[in-house]
Each structure stands twice: as structure tokens, then as C-alpha cells.
C-alpha atoms as a PDB file:
ATOM      1  CA  MET A   1       2.700 -61.797 113.691  1.00  0.00           C
ATOM      2  CA  LYS A   2       0.822 -65.095 114.524  1.00  0.00           C
ATOM      3  CA  LEU A   3       2.556 -67.709 116.233  1.00  0.00           C
ATOM      4  CA  VAL A   4       2.015 -71.393 114.411  1.00  0.00           C
ATOM      5  CA  GLU A   5       2.876 -75.059 116.056  1.00  0.00           C
ATOM      6  CA  PRO A   6       4.499 -76.880 113.275  1.00  0.00           C
ATOM      7  CA  PRO A   7       3.027 -80.075 112.111  1.00  0.00           C
ATOM      8  CA  SER A   8       4.095 -83.080 114.272  1.00  0.00           C
ATOM      9  CA  CYS A   9       4.299 -85.576 111.758  1.00  0.00           C
ATOM     10  CA  SER A  10       6.658 -84.747 109.143  1.00  0.00           C
ATOM     11  CA  SER A  11       5.924 -88.132 106.792  1.00  0.00           C
ATOM     12  CA  ALA A  12       2.677 -87.795 104.248  1.00  0.00           C
ATOM     13  CA  SER A  13       2.160 -91.417 105.073  1.00  0.00           C
ATOM     14  CA  THR A  14       0.754 -91.522 108.006  1.00  0.00           C
ATOM     15  CA  ILE A  15      -2.787 -92.426 108.780  1.00  0.00           C
ATOM     16  CA  VAL A  16      -4.744 -90.056 111.086  1.00  0.00           C
ATOM     17  CA  PHE A  17      -8.314 -91.901 112.419  1.00  0.00           C
ATOM     18  CA  ILE A  18     -11.477 -89.218 113.254  1.00  0.00           C
ATOM     19  CA  GLY A  19     -14.386 -90.402 114.624  1.00  0.00           C
ATOM     20  CA  LYS A  20     -16.728 -90.541 117.542  1.00  0.00           C
ATOM     21  CA  ASN A  21     -16.233 -91.647 121.037  1.00  0.00           C
ATOM     22  CA  ARG A  22     -18.534 -93.563 123.316  1.00  0.00           C
ATOM     23  CA  ARG A  23     -20.097 -90.045 124.720  1.00  0.00           C
ATOM     24  CA  GLY A  24     -20.340 -88.409 121.017  1.00  0.00           C
ATOM     25  CA  ASN A  25     -17.199 -86.095 120.920  1.00  0.00           C
ATOM     26  CA  TRP A  26     -15.082 -86.497 117.848  1.00  0.00           C
ATOM     27  CA  ILE A  27     -11.606 -87.172 117.869  1.00  0.00           C
ATOM     28  CA  ALA A  28      -8.710 -87.525 115.827  1.00  0.00           C
ATOM     29  CA  ARG A  29      -5.972 -89.665 116.540  1.00  0.00           C
ATOM     30  CA  GLU A  30      -2.297 -90.527 114.324  1.00  0.00           C
ATOM     31  CA  GLN A  31      -2.062 -94.395 113.866  1.00  0.00           C
ATOM     32  CA  ASN A  32       0.689 -94.787 116.469  1.00  0.00           C
ATOM     33  CA  GLY A  33      -0.651 -92.507 118.923  1.00  0.00           C
ATOM     34  CA  LEU A  34       2.174 -89.522 118.048  1.00  0.00           C
ATOM     35  CA  TYR A  35      -0.534 -86.974 118.503  1.00  0.00           C
ATOM     36  CA  GLY A  36      -4.188 -86.557 118.760  1.00  0.00           C
ATOM     37  CA  GLY A  37      -6.837 -84.419 120.209  1.00  0.00           C
ATOM     38  CA  LEU A  38     -10.652 -84.031 121.615  1.00  0.00           C
ATOM     39  CA  PHE A  39     -13.192 -81.886 119.279  1.00  0.00           C
ATOM     40  CA  VAL A  40     -16.640 -80.435 119.412  1.00  0.00           C
ATOM     41  CA  ASN A  41     -17.299 -81.452 116.048  1.00  0.00           C
ATOM     42  CA  ARG A  42     -16.142 -83.356 112.754  1.00  0.00           C
ATOM     43  CA  ALA A  43     -14.853 -79.909 111.077  1.00  0.00           C
ATOM     44  CA  GLN A  44     -12.631 -79.286 113.812  1.00  0.00           C
ATOM     45  CA  ALA A  45     -10.932 -82.939 113.955  1.00  0.00           C
ATOM     46  CA  LEU A  46     -10.821 -82.712 110.383  1.00  0.00           C
ATOM     47  CA  LYS A  47      -8.895 -79.194 110.557  1.00  0.00           C
ATOM     48  CA  TYR A  48      -6.442 -80.707 113.066  1.00  0.00           C
ATOM     49  CA  ALA A  49      -5.641 -84.078 111.208  1.00  0.00           C
ATOM     50  CA  LEU A  50      -5.037 -82.270 108.150  1.00  0.00           C
ATOM     51  CA  PHE A  51      -2.833 -79.469 109.771  1.00  0.00           C
ATOM     52  CA  GLU A  52      -1.082 -82.192 111.684  1.00  0.00           C
ATOM     53  CA  ASN A  53      -0.593 -84.359 108.549  1.00  0.00           C
ATOM     54  CA  GLY A  54       0.455 -81.729 106.413  1.00  0.00           C
ATOM     55  CA  HIS A  55      -2.764 -81.420 104.456  1.00  0.00           C
ATOM     56  CA  HIS A  56      -2.795 -84.817 103.060  1.00  0.00           C
ATOM     57  CA  PRO A  57      -6.259 -85.641 103.062  1.00  0.00           C
ATOM     58  CA  GLU A  58      -5.717 -89.190 101.499  1.00  0.00           C
ATOM     59  CA  THR A  59      -4.430 -90.152 104.735  1.00  0.00           C
ATOM     60  CA  ILE A  60      -7.661 -89.315 106.670  1.00  0.00           C
ATOM     61  CA  VAL A  61      -9.439 -92.421 107.876  1.00  0.00           C
ATOM     62  CA  GLU A  62     -12.812 -91.445 109.067  1.00  0.00           C
ATOM     63  CA  LEU A  63     -14.284 -94.613 111.293  1.00  0.00           C
ATOM     64  CA  SER A  64     -17.789 -95.655 111.400  1.00  0.00           C
ATOM     65  CA  ARG A  65     -16.778 -97.021 115.011  1.00  0.00           C
ATOM     66  CA  GLU A  66     -15.928 -95.256 118.036  1.00  0.00           C
ATOM     67  CA  ILE A  67     -12.586 -94.550 118.615  1.00  0.00           C
ATOM     68  CA  GLU A  68     -10.944 -93.465 122.027  1.00  0.00           C
ATOM     69  CA  LEU A  69      -7.971 -90.920 122.567  1.00  0.00           C
ATOM     70  CA  ASP A  70      -5.342 -93.056 124.250  1.00  0.00           C
ATOM     71  CA  ILE A  71      -2.298 -91.105 125.087  1.00  0.00           C
ATOM     72  CA  GLY A  72      -0.275 -94.016 125.282  1.00  0.00           C
ATOM     73  CA  GLY A  73      -1.233 -95.428 128.209  1.00  0.00           C
ATOM     74  CA  LYS A  74       2.077 -94.672 130.289  1.00  0.00           C
ATOM     75  CA  PHE A  75       0.443 -92.133 132.780  1.00  0.00           C
ATOM     76  CA  ARG A  76      -2.764 -94.165 134.811  1.00  0.00           C
ATOM     77  CA  ILE A  77      -4.827 -92.710 137.254  1.00  0.00           C
ATOM     78  CA  ALA A  78      -4.120 -95.691 139.402  1.00  0.00           C
ATOM     79  CA  GLU A  79      -0.319 -95.252 139.182  1.00  0.00           C
ATOM     80  CA  THR A  80      -0.152 -91.784 140.725  1.00  0.00           C
ATOM     81  CA  VAL A  81       1.458 -91.047 144.069  1.00  0.00           C
ATOM     82  CA  PRO A  82      -0.855 -88.865 145.899  1.00  0.00           C
ATOM     83  CA  ILE A  83       0.968 -85.769 147.590  1.00  0.00           C
ATOM     84  CA  ALA A  84       1.093 -85.665 151.344  1.00  0.00           C
ATOM     85  CA  ALA A  85      -0.573 -81.857 152.805  1.00  0.00           C
ATOM     86  CA  PRO A  86       2.257 -79.599 154.455  1.00  0.00           C
END
């Protein structure tokens, strides 16, 4: 039996943006940042977006401008605390 993680969203009205970032990688990102991912091609980004939004292609928007994957900004590299060596 194959285990599959359930979709992250429960609303069909959730918009998912897909497009390329400045490095040319494909991004899929929910409009409010609830979920997203980095992909090697458009097909995989679209497949992920469809799975996460409950297979509602009408709520997927492909952007012609650059898009970046923002995971909420709660954890920034500049704010990390170094761990002291033993």
C-alpha cells in the first residue's frame, strides 16, 4: 500500500501561482504562502499545484514574471544563533 500525504488546502478557491524564479527553476506557491515547492520543470510544478488544491485547474495561475518561494520569512539566516562547539 502506498502512503500519500493529503492535500494541504481544503478550499477550492485557493489560488496557486506557478512560474519561474530568477534562476530559472519552477515554483508553485499558494497565494498566502501556506504551501509551495521548487521543481525542475513546469509539469511537476503543475502536478503539485493540482494535488494540493484538490484538482481545481481553474485556480492555478501561471505567471509570466518571476516568482520566488517565500516560506513565510519567520526563519532568516541572519537571525540564527550559532551553536557552540563542545
